[in-house]
Amino acid sequence: MLFNVIIEKDEFGYFAQIPELKGCVTQGKTYEEALSNIKEAAELYLESLKAEELKAFQNRSFSITAIEIALNA
């Protein structure tokens, strides 16, 4: 299964989340650590689901894209 991961950097490190898996969030001191942590968190999240809940994720499509917003300053 493929999932989109959002990783944000702040002054404390990196924060990772998977929007499709509500509440599946983690952090890490480095980008690589956050990526590894979110993969583990997703695996645990998916293991906790019932078969019918898991099947719903196999048929979903989710897209994240960037848009540019012009500010009038």
N, C-alpha and C. Protein backbone atom coordinates (compact mmCIF):
# COMPACT_ATOMS: atom_id res chain seq x y z
N MET A 1 0.84 -1.18 0.00
CA MET A 1 0.00 0.00 0.00
C MET A 1 0.88 1.24 0.00
N LEU A 2 0.43 2.23 -0.71
CA LEU A 2 1.14 3.51 -0.73
C LEU A 2 0.33 4.55 0.05
N PHE A 3 1.03 5.35 0.82
CA PHE A 3 0.41 6.44 1.57
C PHE A 3 1.24 7.70 1.38
N ASN A 4 0.57 8.84 1.39
CA ASN A 4 1.26 10.12 1.35
C ASN A 4 1.70 10.49 2.76
N VAL A 5 2.92 10.97 2.87
CA VAL A 5 3.47 11.40 4.16
C VAL A 5 3.81 12.88 4.07
N ILE A 6 3.39 13.63 5.05
CA ILE A 6 3.76 15.05 5.14
C ILE A 6 4.80 15.17 6.25
N ILE A 7 5.95 15.74 5.91
CA ILE A 7 7.01 15.95 6.90
C ILE A 7 7.32 17.44 6.94
N GLU A 8 7.22 18.00 8.12
CA GLU A 8 7.49 19.43 8.33
C GLU A 8 8.66 19.60 9.28
N LYS A 9 9.50 20.57 8.99
CA LYS A 9 10.64 20.88 9.86
C LYS A 9 10.30 22.09 10.71
N ASP A 10 10.66 22.02 11.98
CA ASP A 10 10.56 23.18 12.86
C ASP A 10 11.82 23.26 13.70
N GLU A 11 11.83 24.12 14.69
CA GLU A 11 13.05 24.33 15.49
C GLU A 11 13.40 23.12 16.37
N PHE A 12 12.48 22.17 16.53
CA PHE A 12 12.71 21.00 17.38
C PHE A 12 13.06 19.74 16.60
N GLY A 13 12.94 19.77 15.28
CA GLY A 13 13.20 18.60 14.46
C GLY A 13 12.18 18.47 13.35
N TYR A 14 11.70 17.26 13.14
CA TYR A 14 10.78 16.98 12.04
C TYR A 14 9.52 16.33 12.57
N PHE A 15 8.39 16.74 12.04
CA PHE A 15 7.08 16.23 12.41
C PHE A 15 6.49 15.54 11.19
N ALA A 16 6.05 14.29 11.32
CA ALA A 16 5.51 13.53 10.20
C ALA A 16 4.09 13.07 10.48
N GLN A 17 3.28 13.06 9.43
CA GLN A 17 1.91 12.58 9.55
C GLN A 17 1.45 11.95 8.24
N ILE A 18 0.49 11.06 8.34
CA ILE A 18 -0.15 10.46 7.17
C ILE A 18 -1.61 10.88 7.22
N PRO A 19 -2.02 11.81 6.34
CA PRO A 19 -3.40 12.32 6.40
C PRO A 19 -4.47 11.25 6.30
N GLU A 20 -4.24 10.20 5.53
CA GLU A 20 -5.24 9.15 5.37
C GLU A 20 -5.47 8.35 6.64
N LEU A 21 -4.48 8.31 7.51
CA LEU A 21 -4.57 7.55 8.76
C LEU A 21 -4.70 8.54 9.91
N LYS A 22 -5.93 8.87 10.24
CA LYS A 22 -6.19 9.90 11.25
C LYS A 22 -5.49 9.59 12.56
N GLY A 23 -4.70 10.55 13.03
CA GLY A 23 -3.98 10.38 14.29
C GLY A 23 -2.64 9.69 14.15
N CYS A 24 -2.26 9.31 12.94
CA CYS A 24 -0.97 8.64 12.73
C CYS A 24 0.09 9.72 12.53
N VAL A 25 0.74 10.08 13.63
CA VAL A 25 1.73 11.15 13.63
C VAL A 25 2.95 10.72 14.44
N THR A 26 4.07 11.34 14.15
CA THR A 26 5.29 11.07 14.90
C THR A 26 6.27 12.20 14.66
N GLN A 27 7.45 12.05 15.21
CA GLN A 27 8.49 13.07 15.03
C GLN A 27 9.85 12.41 15.01
N GLY A 28 10.86 13.18 14.69
CA GLY A 28 12.23 12.70 14.70
C GLY A 28 13.19 13.86 14.70
N LYS A 29 14.41 13.62 15.15
CA LYS A 29 15.42 14.67 15.16
C LYS A 29 15.90 14.99 13.75
N THR A 30 15.87 13.99 12.87
CA THR A 30 16.29 14.17 11.48
C THR A 30 15.14 13.78 10.56
N TYR A 31 15.24 14.18 9.30
CA TYR A 31 14.24 13.82 8.30
C TYR A 31 14.14 12.30 8.20
N GLU A 32 15.29 11.65 8.13
CA GLU A 32 15.33 10.19 7.98
C GLU A 32 14.70 9.49 9.18
N GLU A 33 14.95 10.01 10.39
CA GLU A 33 14.36 9.43 11.59
C GLU A 33 12.84 9.59 11.58
N ALA A 34 12.37 10.77 11.20
CA ALA A 34 10.93 11.00 11.13
C ALA A 34 10.29 10.08 10.10
N LEU A 35 10.94 9.88 8.95
CA LEU A 35 10.42 9.00 7.92
C LEU A 35 10.37 7.55 8.40
N SER A 36 11.41 7.11 9.08
CA SER A 36 11.43 5.76 9.62
C SER A 36 10.36 5.59 10.70
N ASN A 37 10.20 6.60 11.54
CA ASN A 37 9.21 6.54 12.63
C ASN A 37 7.78 6.50 12.09
N ILE A 38 7.50 7.28 11.02
CA ILE A 38 6.14 7.30 10.49
C ILE A 38 5.82 5.98 9.79
N LYS A 39 6.82 5.36 9.18
CA LYS A 39 6.59 4.06 8.56
C LYS A 39 6.22 3.03 9.63
N GLU A 40 6.95 3.04 10.74
CA GLU A 40 6.65 2.12 11.84
C GLU A 40 5.27 2.42 12.43
N ALA A 41 4.95 3.70 12.60
CA ALA A 41 3.65 4.08 13.15
C ALA A 41 2.52 3.61 12.23
N ALA A 42 2.71 3.74 10.91
CA ALA A 42 1.69 3.31 9.95
C ALA A 42 1.50 1.79 10.00
N GLU A 43 2.59 1.06 10.10
CA GLU A 43 2.50 -0.40 10.18
C GLU A 43 1.70 -0.82 11.42
N LEU A 44 1.98 -0.19 12.55
CA LEU A 44 1.25 -0.51 13.78
C LEU A 44 -0.23 -0.11 13.66
N TYR A 45 -0.47 1.04 13.06
CA TYR A 45 -1.84 1.53 12.86
C TYR A 45 -2.62 0.52 12.02
N LEU A 46 -2.04 0.09 10.90
CA LEU A 46 -2.73 -0.82 10.00
C LEU A 46 -2.93 -2.20 10.63
N GLU A 47 -1.98 -2.65 11.46
CA GLU A 47 -2.13 -3.93 12.14
C GLU A 47 -3.31 -3.92 13.11
N SER A 48 -3.68 -2.73 13.61
CA SER A 48 -4.76 -2.64 14.58
C SER A 48 -6.15 -2.63 13.94
N LEU A 49 -6.21 -2.51 12.62
CA LEU A 49 -7.50 -2.42 11.93
C LEU A 49 -8.11 -3.79 11.69
N LYS A 50 -9.42 -3.82 11.61
CA LYS A 50 -10.14 -5.02 11.23
C LYS A 50 -10.02 -5.19 9.72
N ALA A 51 -10.26 -6.39 9.23
CA ALA A 51 -10.10 -6.71 7.81
C ALA A 51 -10.91 -5.78 6.92
N GLU A 52 -12.15 -5.49 7.28
CA GLU A 52 -12.98 -4.62 6.44
C GLU A 52 -12.48 -3.18 6.44
N GLU A 53 -11.93 -2.73 7.56
CA GLU A 53 -11.36 -1.38 7.62
C GLU A 53 -10.10 -1.30 6.76
N LEU A 54 -9.29 -2.32 6.81
CA LEU A 54 -8.07 -2.37 6.02
C LEU A 54 -8.38 -2.40 4.53
N LYS A 55 -9.40 -3.14 4.15
CA LYS A 55 -9.79 -3.23 2.75
C LYS A 55 -10.19 -1.87 2.19
N ALA A 56 -10.79 -1.03 3.01
CA ALA A 56 -11.20 0.31 2.56
C ALA A 56 -10.00 1.13 2.10
N PHE A 57 -8.84 0.94 2.72
CA PHE A 57 -7.65 1.69 2.33
C PHE A 57 -7.08 1.22 1.00
N GLN A 58 -7.35 -0.01 0.62
CA GLN A 58 -6.83 -0.55 -0.63
C GLN A 58 -7.53 0.05 -1.84
N ASN A 59 -8.71 0.62 -1.65
CA ASN A 59 -9.48 1.17 -2.76
C ASN A 59 -9.54 2.69 -2.76
N ARG A 60 -8.74 3.33 -1.92
CA ARG A 60 -8.77 4.79 -1.81
C ARG A 60 -7.72 5.43 -2.69
N SER A 61 -8.01 6.64 -3.08
CA SER A 61 -7.04 7.46 -3.80
C SER A 61 -6.95 8.80 -3.08
N PHE A 62 -5.73 9.27 -2.87
CA PHE A 62 -5.51 10.51 -2.13
C PHE A 62 -4.38 11.24 -2.82
N SER A 63 -4.51 12.53 -2.98
CA SER A 63 -3.47 13.29 -3.67
C SER A 63 -3.12 14.54 -2.89
N ILE A 64 -1.85 14.84 -2.85
CA ILE A 64 -1.37 16.09 -2.25
C ILE A 64 -0.59 16.82 -3.33
N THR A 65 -0.89 18.08 -3.50
CA THR A 65 -0.18 18.87 -4.50
C THR A 65 0.07 20.27 -3.95
N ALA A 66 0.99 20.96 -4.56
CA ALA A 66 1.32 22.33 -4.13
C ALA A 66 0.57 23.33 -5.02
N ILE A 67 0.14 24.42 -4.44
CA ILE A 67 -0.46 25.51 -5.20
C ILE A 67 0.25 26.79 -4.81
N GLU A 68 0.29 27.72 -5.72
CA GLU A 68 0.92 29.01 -5.45
C GLU A 68 -0.17 30.04 -5.18
N ILE A 69 0.01 30.79 -4.11
CA ILE A 69 -0.93 31.85 -3.74
C ILE A 69 -0.21 33.18 -3.83
N ALA A 70 -0.76 34.10 -4.60
CA ALA A 70 -0.16 35.43 -4.73
C ALA A 70 -0.76 36.34 -3.66
N LEU A 71 0.12 36.93 -2.87
CA LEU A 71 -0.32 37.86 -1.83
C LEU A 71 -0.17 39.29 -2.33
N ASN A 72 -1.17 40.10 -2.11
CA ASN A 72 -1.09 41.52 -2.49
C ASN A 72 -0.61 42.30 -1.28
N ALA A 73 0.71 42.55 -1.26
CA ALA A 73 1.28 43.25 -0.11
C ALA A 73 1.73 44.63 -0.50
